[in-house]
Amino acid sequence: FWLLASAVLALAAFNLTYRVGNESLTEWDESLYATSAFEMLESGNWVVTTFNGETDYYNSKPPLNVWLIALSLKAFGPSLAAMRVPSIVAAWLTVVVLLWWSNRRFGPRVALFSCMVLATSFGFLHVHSGRTENPDALLALLFLLIAVTLDLSSERPWRRIWLGPLVAAVFRL
C-alpha cells in the first residue's frame, strides 16, 4: 500500500508543479490576488487589501488567501511559481489527507483509487484550484478536514474542538 500511496502522492506533486512557473496568469482573479499581495508587501498594510493603491471593494473576500500569497512572495521572491505555492501545498495536502482518511475509513483500494482520481482531475488541478493562486484548493482542504474531524469525533468527541479553528479559517478565506 505505502509504495502505491507514495506513487500517487508523487504523481499529485508532479501534476501540481510541472511547469507551473511557465504558465501565464489565466484567470482574471489570479491577477487580482497577485496585485493585492504585491501591494500588501510594498505598503506593509496586512489588514486591508488594495488594488492599484485603493481599498479593494470589488474583491470583498477575507484576506487569508492574499496573506498566504504575500508570505510566499516574501519567502520565495516574486514569481508565478511563488504566487501559486499556497494553492499547490493545499492541493497536495488534500490528497494526503484523503489518502490517510479513506485508507483508515474504507480500506486501501478505495484510498488509492480516490486519490488517483483526485490527483489527475482537471478540475481539481486547473480550474480555480491547485495550479492557480485562487483560494479554492485551500477551501477544499479545509472542508475535507472538517469532514474528517466530524467523522473521527464519533470515536472521541473531544476532537470536535478542532472544528472551531477550521471553521474560522474557512471564514478568513
N, C-alpha and C. Protein backbone atom coordinates (compact mmCIF):
# COMPACT_ATOMS: atom_id res chain seq x y z
N PHE A 1 0.83 -1.20 0.00
CA PHE A 1 0.00 0.00 0.00
C PHE A 1 0.87 1.26 0.00
N TRP A 2 1.89 1.29 0.87
CA TRP A 2 2.67 2.52 1.00
C TRP A 2 3.48 2.84 -0.24
N LEU A 3 3.90 1.83 -0.97
CA LEU A 3 4.61 2.07 -2.23
C LEU A 3 3.67 2.70 -3.25
N LEU A 4 2.47 2.16 -3.39
CA LEU A 4 1.49 2.74 -4.32
C LEU A 4 1.02 4.11 -3.84
N ALA A 5 0.87 4.27 -2.54
CA ALA A 5 0.47 5.58 -2.00
C ALA A 5 1.54 6.62 -2.29
N SER A 6 2.80 6.24 -2.15
CA SER A 6 3.89 7.17 -2.47
C SER A 6 3.87 7.54 -3.94
N ALA A 7 3.55 6.58 -4.80
CA ALA A 7 3.46 6.86 -6.24
C ALA A 7 2.32 7.83 -6.54
N VAL A 8 1.20 7.66 -5.88
CA VAL A 8 0.06 8.57 -6.08
C VAL A 8 0.42 9.97 -5.60
N LEU A 9 1.08 10.07 -4.45
CA LEU A 9 1.48 11.38 -3.94
C LEU A 9 2.52 12.04 -4.84
N ALA A 10 3.43 11.24 -5.38
CA ALA A 10 4.42 11.78 -6.31
C ALA A 10 3.73 12.25 -7.60
N LEU A 11 2.76 11.50 -8.08
CA LEU A 11 2.01 11.91 -9.27
C LEU A 11 1.26 13.22 -9.00
N ALA A 12 0.65 13.33 -7.83
CA ALA A 12 -0.05 14.57 -7.47
C ALA A 12 0.93 15.74 -7.44
N ALA A 13 2.09 15.54 -6.83
CA ALA A 13 3.09 16.61 -6.77
C ALA A 13 3.55 17.00 -8.17
N PHE A 14 3.76 16.03 -9.03
CA PHE A 14 4.17 16.32 -10.40
C PHE A 14 3.09 17.11 -11.14
N ASN A 15 1.86 16.62 -11.06
CA ASN A 15 0.75 17.30 -11.75
C ASN A 15 0.52 18.72 -11.24
N LEU A 16 0.82 18.96 -9.98
CA LEU A 16 0.62 20.29 -9.41
C LEU A 16 1.77 21.25 -9.71
N THR A 17 2.95 20.72 -9.95
CA THR A 17 4.11 21.60 -10.06
C THR A 17 4.75 21.67 -11.45
N TYR A 18 4.48 20.74 -12.33
CA TYR A 18 5.16 20.70 -13.62
C TYR A 18 4.91 21.98 -14.40
N ARG A 19 5.97 22.72 -14.66
CA ARG A 19 5.95 23.96 -15.46
C ARG A 19 4.97 25.00 -14.91
N VAL A 20 4.69 24.97 -13.63
CA VAL A 20 3.72 25.90 -13.06
C VAL A 20 4.22 27.35 -13.14
N GLY A 21 5.52 27.53 -13.17
CA GLY A 21 6.07 28.88 -13.28
C GLY A 21 6.10 29.40 -14.71
N ASN A 22 5.82 28.53 -15.67
CA ASN A 22 5.85 28.93 -17.08
C ASN A 22 4.47 29.29 -17.62
N GLU A 23 3.43 28.99 -16.87
CA GLU A 23 2.08 29.31 -17.31
C GLU A 23 1.77 30.76 -16.99
N SER A 24 1.02 31.38 -17.85
CA SER A 24 0.66 32.78 -17.60
C SER A 24 -0.52 32.84 -16.63
N LEU A 25 -0.80 34.04 -16.18
CA LEU A 25 -1.98 34.24 -15.34
C LEU A 25 -3.21 34.07 -16.23
N THR A 26 -3.89 32.95 -16.08
CA THR A 26 -5.01 32.65 -16.97
C THR A 26 -6.34 33.11 -16.41
N GLU A 27 -6.43 33.26 -15.17
CA GLU A 27 -7.68 33.68 -14.54
C GLU A 27 -7.58 35.16 -14.19
N TRP A 28 -8.63 35.91 -14.45
CA TRP A 28 -8.57 37.34 -14.13
C TRP A 28 -8.39 37.56 -12.64
N ASP A 29 -8.97 36.68 -11.82
CA ASP A 29 -8.83 36.89 -10.39
C ASP A 29 -7.45 36.51 -9.87
N GLU A 30 -6.69 35.71 -10.64
CA GLU A 30 -5.30 35.47 -10.25
C GLU A 30 -4.52 36.77 -10.25
N SER A 31 -4.74 37.59 -11.25
CA SER A 31 -4.03 38.87 -11.30
C SER A 31 -4.50 39.80 -10.18
N LEU A 32 -5.76 39.69 -9.81
CA LEU A 32 -6.28 40.49 -8.71
C LEU A 32 -5.60 40.11 -7.40
N TYR A 33 -5.50 38.80 -7.13
CA TYR A 33 -4.84 38.34 -5.91
C TYR A 33 -3.35 38.70 -5.93
N ALA A 34 -2.71 38.56 -7.09
CA ALA A 34 -1.29 38.89 -7.19
C ALA A 34 -1.04 40.37 -6.92
N THR A 35 -1.85 41.22 -7.52
CA THR A 35 -1.70 42.66 -7.31
C THR A 35 -1.91 43.02 -5.85
N SER A 36 -2.95 42.46 -5.24
CA SER A 36 -3.22 42.74 -3.83
C SER A 36 -2.08 42.26 -2.94
N ALA A 37 -1.52 41.08 -3.25
CA ALA A 37 -0.42 40.54 -2.44
C ALA A 37 0.84 41.40 -2.58
N PHE A 38 1.17 41.81 -3.82
CA PHE A 38 2.33 42.68 -4.03
C PHE A 38 2.16 44.00 -3.30
N GLU A 39 0.96 44.59 -3.40
CA GLU A 39 0.72 45.86 -2.73
C GLU A 39 0.75 45.71 -1.22
N MET A 40 0.33 44.56 -0.72
CA MET A 40 0.38 44.31 0.72
C MET A 40 1.83 44.30 1.19
N LEU A 41 2.69 43.65 0.42
CA LEU A 41 4.12 43.61 0.77
C LEU A 41 4.75 45.00 0.69
N GLU A 42 4.43 45.75 -0.35
CA GLU A 42 5.01 47.08 -0.52
C GLU A 42 4.57 48.05 0.56
N SER A 43 3.28 48.04 0.89
CA SER A 43 2.75 49.02 1.83
C SER A 43 2.94 48.60 3.29
N GLY A 44 3.05 47.30 3.52
CA GLY A 44 3.12 46.82 4.89
C GLY A 44 1.76 46.78 5.57
N ASN A 45 0.71 47.08 4.83
CA ASN A 45 -0.66 47.04 5.36
C ASN A 45 -1.20 45.63 5.18
N TRP A 46 -1.23 44.88 6.28
CA TRP A 46 -1.69 43.49 6.24
C TRP A 46 -3.15 43.36 6.66
N VAL A 47 -3.86 44.48 6.80
CA VAL A 47 -5.24 44.43 7.26
C VAL A 47 -6.22 44.63 6.10
N VAL A 48 -5.97 45.62 5.27
CA VAL A 48 -6.89 45.97 4.18
C VAL A 48 -6.23 45.62 2.85
N THR A 49 -6.95 44.84 2.04
CA THR A 49 -6.41 44.53 0.71
C THR A 49 -6.67 45.72 -0.21
N THR A 50 -5.70 45.97 -1.09
CA THR A 50 -5.82 47.10 -2.02
C THR A 50 -5.62 46.61 -3.45
N PHE A 51 -6.07 47.43 -4.39
CA PHE A 51 -5.85 47.19 -5.80
C PHE A 51 -5.57 48.52 -6.46
N ASN A 52 -4.40 48.65 -7.08
CA ASN A 52 -3.94 49.92 -7.64
C ASN A 52 -3.89 51.03 -6.58
N GLY A 53 -3.50 50.66 -5.37
CA GLY A 53 -3.33 51.63 -4.30
C GLY A 53 -4.60 52.03 -3.58
N GLU A 54 -5.74 51.56 -4.04
CA GLU A 54 -7.02 51.91 -3.42
C GLU A 54 -7.58 50.69 -2.69
N THR A 55 -8.37 50.94 -1.64
CA THR A 55 -9.02 49.84 -0.95
C THR A 55 -9.84 49.04 -1.95
N ASP A 56 -9.68 47.72 -1.91
CA ASP A 56 -10.32 46.85 -2.89
C ASP A 56 -11.71 46.46 -2.40
N TYR A 57 -12.70 47.21 -2.86
CA TYR A 57 -14.09 46.91 -2.51
C TYR A 57 -14.69 45.88 -3.45
N TYR A 58 -14.10 45.71 -4.63
CA TYR A 58 -14.62 44.75 -5.60
C TYR A 58 -14.42 43.32 -5.09
N ASN A 59 -13.22 43.02 -4.64
CA ASN A 59 -12.90 41.70 -4.11
C ASN A 59 -13.10 41.77 -2.59
N SER A 60 -14.30 41.55 -2.16
CA SER A 60 -14.61 41.73 -0.75
C SER A 60 -14.42 40.46 0.07
N LYS A 61 -13.56 39.55 -0.42
CA LYS A 61 -13.29 38.32 0.33
C LYS A 61 -12.34 38.62 1.48
N PRO A 62 -12.42 37.83 2.54
CA PRO A 62 -11.45 37.98 3.63
C PRO A 62 -10.03 37.73 3.11
N PRO A 63 -9.03 38.23 3.83
CA PRO A 63 -7.67 38.28 3.26
C PRO A 63 -6.78 37.06 3.45
N LEU A 64 -7.25 35.94 3.95
CA LEU A 64 -6.35 34.83 4.23
C LEU A 64 -5.56 34.40 2.99
N ASN A 65 -6.22 34.28 1.86
CA ASN A 65 -5.51 33.87 0.64
C ASN A 65 -4.46 34.89 0.23
N VAL A 66 -4.79 36.17 0.31
CA VAL A 66 -3.83 37.21 -0.05
C VAL A 66 -2.65 37.19 0.93
N TRP A 67 -2.91 36.97 2.21
CA TRP A 67 -1.84 36.87 3.20
C TRP A 67 -0.88 35.74 2.83
N LEU A 68 -1.44 34.58 2.49
CA LEU A 68 -0.59 33.43 2.16
C LEU A 68 0.23 33.68 0.91
N ILE A 69 -0.37 34.31 -0.09
CA ILE A 69 0.37 34.64 -1.32
C ILE A 69 1.48 35.63 -1.00
N ALA A 70 1.17 36.65 -0.21
CA ALA A 70 2.18 37.65 0.15
C ALA A 70 3.32 37.01 0.93
N LEU A 71 3.02 36.12 1.86
CA LEU A 71 4.08 35.43 2.60
C LEU A 71 4.93 34.55 1.69
N SER A 72 4.28 33.91 0.74
CA SER A 72 5.02 33.09 -0.22
C SER A 72 5.93 33.95 -1.09
N LEU A 73 5.42 35.09 -1.53
CA LEU A 73 6.25 36.01 -2.33
C LEU A 73 7.43 36.53 -1.51
N LYS A 74 7.18 36.79 -0.24
CA LYS A 74 8.25 37.27 0.62
C LYS A 74 9.31 36.18 0.83
N ALA A 75 8.86 34.94 0.96
CA ALA A 75 9.79 33.83 1.21
C ALA A 75 10.56 33.41 -0.04
N PHE A 76 9.89 33.39 -1.19
CA PHE A 76 10.49 32.82 -2.40
C PHE A 76 10.80 33.85 -3.48
N GLY A 77 10.42 35.10 -3.26
CA GLY A 77 10.66 36.12 -4.27
C GLY A 77 9.53 36.18 -5.28
N PRO A 78 9.49 37.25 -6.05
CA PRO A 78 8.38 37.43 -6.99
C PRO A 78 8.49 36.51 -8.21
N SER A 79 7.55 35.60 -8.32
CA SER A 79 7.46 34.72 -9.48
C SER A 79 6.07 34.10 -9.52
N LEU A 80 5.72 33.57 -10.69
CA LEU A 80 4.43 32.89 -10.81
C LEU A 80 4.37 31.67 -9.90
N ALA A 81 5.47 30.94 -9.85
CA ALA A 81 5.50 29.74 -9.01
C ALA A 81 5.32 30.11 -7.54
N ALA A 82 5.99 31.16 -7.09
CA ALA A 82 5.87 31.57 -5.68
C ALA A 82 4.45 31.98 -5.34
N MET A 83 3.78 32.66 -6.28
CA MET A 83 2.39 33.07 -6.01
C MET A 83 1.46 31.87 -5.88
N ARG A 84 1.83 30.78 -6.52
CA ARG A 84 0.95 29.61 -6.53
C ARG A 84 1.30 28.58 -5.46
N VAL A 85 2.36 28.80 -4.70
CA VAL A 85 2.79 27.85 -3.67
C VAL A 85 1.68 27.54 -2.66
N PRO A 86 0.95 28.52 -2.11
CA PRO A 86 -0.09 28.17 -1.14
C PRO A 86 -1.14 27.22 -1.71
N SER A 87 -1.56 27.43 -2.94
CA SER A 87 -2.56 26.55 -3.56
C SER A 87 -1.98 25.17 -3.84
N ILE A 88 -0.74 25.13 -4.31
CA ILE A 88 -0.10 23.84 -4.60
C ILE A 88 0.02 23.01 -3.32
N VAL A 89 0.48 23.63 -2.27
CA VAL A 89 0.64 22.92 -0.99
C VAL A 89 -0.72 22.45 -0.47
N ALA A 90 -1.72 23.32 -0.54
CA ALA A 90 -3.06 22.95 -0.06
C ALA A 90 -3.64 21.80 -0.87
N ALA A 91 -3.48 21.83 -2.19
CA ALA A 91 -4.00 20.76 -3.03
C ALA A 91 -3.28 19.44 -2.75
N TRP A 92 -1.96 19.50 -2.59
CA TRP A 92 -1.22 18.28 -2.30
C TRP A 92 -1.60 17.72 -0.93
N LEU A 93 -1.77 18.60 0.05
CA LEU A 93 -2.19 18.14 1.38
C LEU A 93 -3.60 17.56 1.36
N THR A 94 -4.44 18.05 0.47
CA THR A 94 -5.78 17.48 0.32
C THR A 94 -5.67 16.02 -0.12
N VAL A 95 -4.78 15.74 -1.06
CA VAL A 95 -4.57 14.35 -1.50
C VAL A 95 -4.02 13.52 -0.35
N VAL A 96 -3.09 14.07 0.42
CA VAL A 96 -2.51 13.35 1.56
C VAL A 96 -3.58 13.02 2.60
N VAL A 97 -4.38 14.00 2.97
CA VAL A 97 -5.41 13.78 3.99
C VAL A 97 -6.46 12.79 3.49
N LEU A 98 -6.86 12.93 2.23
CA LEU A 98 -7.84 11.99 1.68
C LEU A 98 -7.28 10.58 1.66
N LEU A 99 -6.02 10.44 1.31
CA LEU A 99 -5.38 9.12 1.30
C LEU A 99 -5.37 8.51 2.69
N TRP A 100 -4.94 9.28 3.68
CA TRP A 100 -4.88 8.78 5.05
C TRP A 100 -6.27 8.41 5.57
N TRP A 101 -7.22 9.34 5.41
CA TRP A 101 -8.55 9.12 5.98
C TRP A 101 -9.31 8.01 5.27
N SER A 102 -9.28 8.00 3.93
CA SER A 102 -10.04 6.97 3.21
C SER A 102 -9.42 5.59 3.41
N ASN A 103 -8.12 5.50 3.61
CA ASN A 103 -7.50 4.22 3.93
C ASN A 103 -7.98 3.73 5.29
N ARG A 104 -8.03 4.63 6.22
CA ARG A 104 -8.49 4.28 7.57
C ARG A 104 -9.98 3.92 7.58
N ARG A 105 -10.75 4.66 6.82
CA ARG A 105 -12.21 4.51 6.85
C ARG A 105 -12.73 3.43 5.91
N PHE A 106 -12.15 3.34 4.69
CA PHE A 106 -12.72 2.48 3.67
C PHE A 106 -11.77 1.41 3.13
N GLY A 107 -10.50 1.50 3.49
CA GLY A 107 -9.55 0.49 3.05
C GLY A 107 -8.61 1.01 1.97
N PRO A 108 -7.55 0.24 1.70
CA PRO A 108 -6.51 0.72 0.79
C PRO A 108 -6.97 0.87 -0.66
N ARG A 109 -7.82 0.00 -1.15
CA ARG A 109 -8.26 0.11 -2.55
C ARG A 109 -9.01 1.41 -2.80
N VAL A 110 -9.95 1.71 -1.94
CA VAL A 110 -10.72 2.95 -2.08
C VAL A 110 -9.81 4.16 -1.93
N ALA A 111 -8.90 4.09 -0.98
CA ALA A 111 -7.98 5.21 -0.75
C ALA A 111 -7.13 5.47 -1.99
N LEU A 112 -6.53 4.43 -2.53
CA LEU A 112 -5.66 4.61 -3.70
C LEU A 112 -6.46 5.07 -4.92
N PHE A 113 -7.61 4.48 -5.15
CA PHE A 113 -8.41 4.86 -6.31
C PHE A 113 -8.91 6.29 -6.20
N SER A 114 -9.45 6.65 -5.04
CA SER A 114 -9.99 8.00 -4.88
C SER A 114 -8.90 9.06 -5.00
N CYS A 115 -7.73 8.77 -4.47
CA CYS A 115 -6.63 9.74 -4.56
C CYS A 115 -6.04 9.80 -5.95
N MET A 116 -6.04 8.68 -6.67
CA MET A 116 -5.58 8.69 -8.06
C MET A 116 -6.54 9.53 -8.91
N VAL A 117 -7.81 9.40 -8.67
CA VAL A 117 -8.79 10.21 -9.40
C VAL A 117 -8.59 11.69 -9.08
N LEU A 118 -8.45 12.01 -7.80
CA LEU A 118 -8.26 13.41 -7.40
C LEU A 118 -6.96 13.98 -7.94
N ALA A 119 -5.89 13.22 -7.89
CA ALA A 119 -4.58 13.70 -8.33
C ALA A 119 -4.48 13.91 -9.84
N THR A 120 -5.47 13.40 -10.57
CA THR A 120 -5.45 13.55 -12.03
C THR A 120 -6.66 14.30 -12.56
N SER A 121 -7.47 14.85 -11.68
CA SER A 121 -8.70 15.56 -12.11
C SER A 121 -8.37 16.96 -12.60
N PHE A 122 -8.77 17.26 -13.82
CA PHE A 122 -8.51 18.57 -14.39
C PHE A 122 -9.12 19.67 -13.53
N GLY A 123 -10.34 19.48 -13.06
CA GLY A 123 -11.00 20.49 -12.25
C GLY A 123 -10.26 20.78 -10.96
N PHE A 124 -9.75 19.75 -10.33
CA PHE A 124 -9.01 19.93 -9.07
C PHE A 124 -7.65 20.55 -9.31
N LEU A 125 -7.02 20.22 -10.42
CA LEU A 125 -5.69 20.72 -10.70
C LEU A 125 -5.69 22.12 -11.31
N HIS A 126 -6.61 22.38 -12.21
CA HIS A 126 -6.51 23.60 -13.01
C HIS A 126 -7.61 24.63 -12.77
N VAL A 127 -8.84 24.21 -12.69
CA VAL A 127 -9.95 25.15 -12.68
C VAL A 127 -10.08 25.78 -11.29
N HIS A 128 -9.52 26.98 -11.13
CA HIS A 128 -9.60 27.71 -9.86
C HIS A 128 -9.03 26.94 -8.68
N SER A 129 -8.09 26.07 -8.89
CA SER A 129 -7.66 25.26 -7.76
C SER A 129 -6.15 25.14 -7.67
N GLY A 130 -5.62 23.93 -7.66
CA GLY A 130 -4.24 23.67 -7.27
C GLY A 130 -3.15 24.39 -8.02
N ARG A 131 -3.32 24.63 -9.31
CA ARG A 131 -2.27 25.26 -10.10
C ARG A 131 -2.52 26.75 -10.32
N THR A 132 -3.43 27.32 -9.60
CA THR A 132 -3.69 28.75 -9.67
C THR A 132 -3.57 29.33 -8.27
N GLU A 133 -3.57 30.63 -8.18
CA GLU A 133 -3.46 31.22 -6.84
C GLU A 133 -4.81 31.57 -6.24
N ASN A 134 -5.84 30.91 -6.70
CA ASN A 134 -7.19 31.11 -6.17
C ASN A 134 -7.34 30.34 -4.86
N PRO A 135 -8.28 30.73 -4.02
CA PRO A 135 -8.40 30.10 -2.69
C PRO A 135 -9.10 28.75 -2.69
N ASP A 136 -9.53 28.24 -3.83
CA ASP A 136 -10.35 27.04 -3.85
C ASP A 136 -9.62 25.79 -3.36
N ALA A 137 -8.33 25.67 -3.62
CA ALA A 137 -7.59 24.49 -3.14
C ALA A 137 -7.55 24.48 -1.62
N LEU A 138 -7.30 25.63 -1.03
CA LEU A 138 -7.29 25.70 0.43
C LEU A 138 -8.68 25.47 1.00
N LEU A 139 -9.69 25.97 0.34
CA LEU A 139 -11.06 25.74 0.78
C LEU A 139 -11.41 24.25 0.73
N ALA A 140 -10.99 23.57 -0.33
CA ALA A 140 -11.23 22.12 -0.43
C ALA A 140 -10.54 21.38 0.71
N LEU A 141 -9.30 21.78 1.01
CA LEU A 141 -8.58 21.15 2.13
C LEU A 141 -9.31 21.38 3.45
N LEU A 142 -9.74 22.60 3.68
CA LEU A 142 -10.42 22.90 4.95
C LEU A 142 -11.73 22.14 5.08
N PHE A 143 -12.50 22.04 4.00
CA PHE A 143 -13.75 21.28 4.06
C PHE A 143 -13.49 19.79 4.26
N LEU A 144 -12.44 19.27 3.64
CA LEU A 144 -12.09 17.87 3.87
C LEU A 144 -11.69 17.66 5.32
N LEU A 145 -10.91 18.58 5.88
CA LEU A 145 -10.51 18.46 7.29
C LEU A 145 -11.71 18.54 8.22
N ILE A 146 -12.69 19.36 7.87
CA ILE A 146 -13.93 19.42 8.67
C ILE A 146 -14.66 18.08 8.60
N ALA A 147 -14.78 17.50 7.40
CA ALA A 147 -15.45 16.20 7.27
C ALA A 147 -14.70 15.11 8.04
N VAL A 148 -13.38 15.10 7.94
CA VAL A 148 -12.58 14.11 8.67
C VAL A 148 -12.73 14.30 10.17
N THR A 149 -12.72 15.55 10.62
CA THR A 149 -12.88 15.83 12.05
C THR A 149 -14.23 15.34 12.55
N LEU A 150 -15.28 15.60 11.79
CA LEU A 150 -16.61 15.14 12.19
C LEU A 150 -16.67 13.62 12.23
N ASP A 151 -16.06 12.97 11.26
CA ASP A 151 -16.05 11.51 11.24
C ASP A 151 -15.27 10.95 12.42
N LEU A 152 -14.09 11.50 12.69
CA LEU A 152 -13.26 10.97 13.78
C LEU A 152 -13.79 11.35 15.16
N SER A 153 -14.61 12.38 15.23
CA SER A 153 -15.14 12.77 16.54
C SER A 153 -16.19 11.79 17.04
N SER A 154 -16.68 10.90 16.18
CA SER A 154 -17.61 9.89 16.68
C SER A 154 -16.90 8.92 17.62
N GLU A 155 -15.58 8.72 17.40
CA GLU A 155 -14.79 7.87 18.29
C GLU A 155 -14.39 8.60 19.57
N ARG A 156 -14.00 9.85 19.39
CA ARG A 156 -13.54 10.67 20.52
C ARG A 156 -14.16 12.06 20.37
N PRO A 157 -15.23 12.34 21.09
CA PRO A 157 -15.94 13.62 20.91
C PRO A 157 -15.10 14.86 21.15
N TRP A 158 -14.02 14.78 21.92
CA TRP A 158 -13.18 15.95 22.19
C TRP A 158 -12.54 16.48 20.91
N ARG A 159 -12.48 15.66 19.87
CA ARG A 159 -11.88 16.10 18.61
C ARG A 159 -12.70 17.21 17.93
N ARG A 160 -13.95 17.35 18.34
CA ARG A 160 -14.78 18.42 17.76
C ARG A 160 -14.23 19.82 18.06
N ILE A 161 -13.32 19.91 19.02
CA ILE A 161 -12.72 21.20 19.33
C ILE A 161 -11.98 21.76 18.11
N TRP A 162 -11.51 20.89 17.22
CA TRP A 162 -10.81 21.33 16.01
C TRP A 162 -11.74 22.01 15.02
N LEU A 163 -13.04 21.84 15.19
CA LEU A 163 -13.99 22.48 14.27
C LEU A 163 -13.92 24.01 14.37
N GLY A 164 -13.65 24.53 15.56
CA GLY A 164 -13.57 25.98 15.75
C GLY A 164 -12.51 26.62 14.86
N PRO A 165 -11.23 26.18 14.98
CA PRO A 165 -10.20 26.76 14.11
C PRO A 165 -10.44 26.50 12.63
N LEU A 166 -10.96 25.34 12.29
CA LEU A 166 -11.19 25.04 10.88
C LEU A 166 -12.28 25.92 10.28
N VAL A 167 -13.38 26.09 10.99
CA VAL A 167 -14.45 26.97 10.50
C VAL A 167 -13.98 28.42 10.48
N ALA A 168 -13.19 28.82 11.47
CA ALA A 168 -12.64 30.19 11.47
C ALA A 168 -11.76 30.40 10.23
N ALA A 169 -10.96 29.41 9.88
CA ALA A 169 -10.12 29.53 8.68
C ALA A 169 -10.96 29.64 7.42
N VAL A 170 -12.06 28.88 7.37
CA VAL A 170 -12.97 28.99 6.22
C VAL A 170 -13.51 30.40 6.10
N PHE A 171 -13.90 31.00 7.21
CA PHE A 171 -14.43 32.36 7.17
C PHE A 171 -13.35 33.40 6.86
N ARG A 172 -12.10 33.13 7.19
CA ARG A 172 -11.00 34.05 6.86
C ARG A 172 -10.61 33.92 5.39
N LEU A 173 -11.01 32.82 4.78
CA LEU A 173 -10.66 32.58 3.40
C LEU A 173 -11.67 33.23 2.48
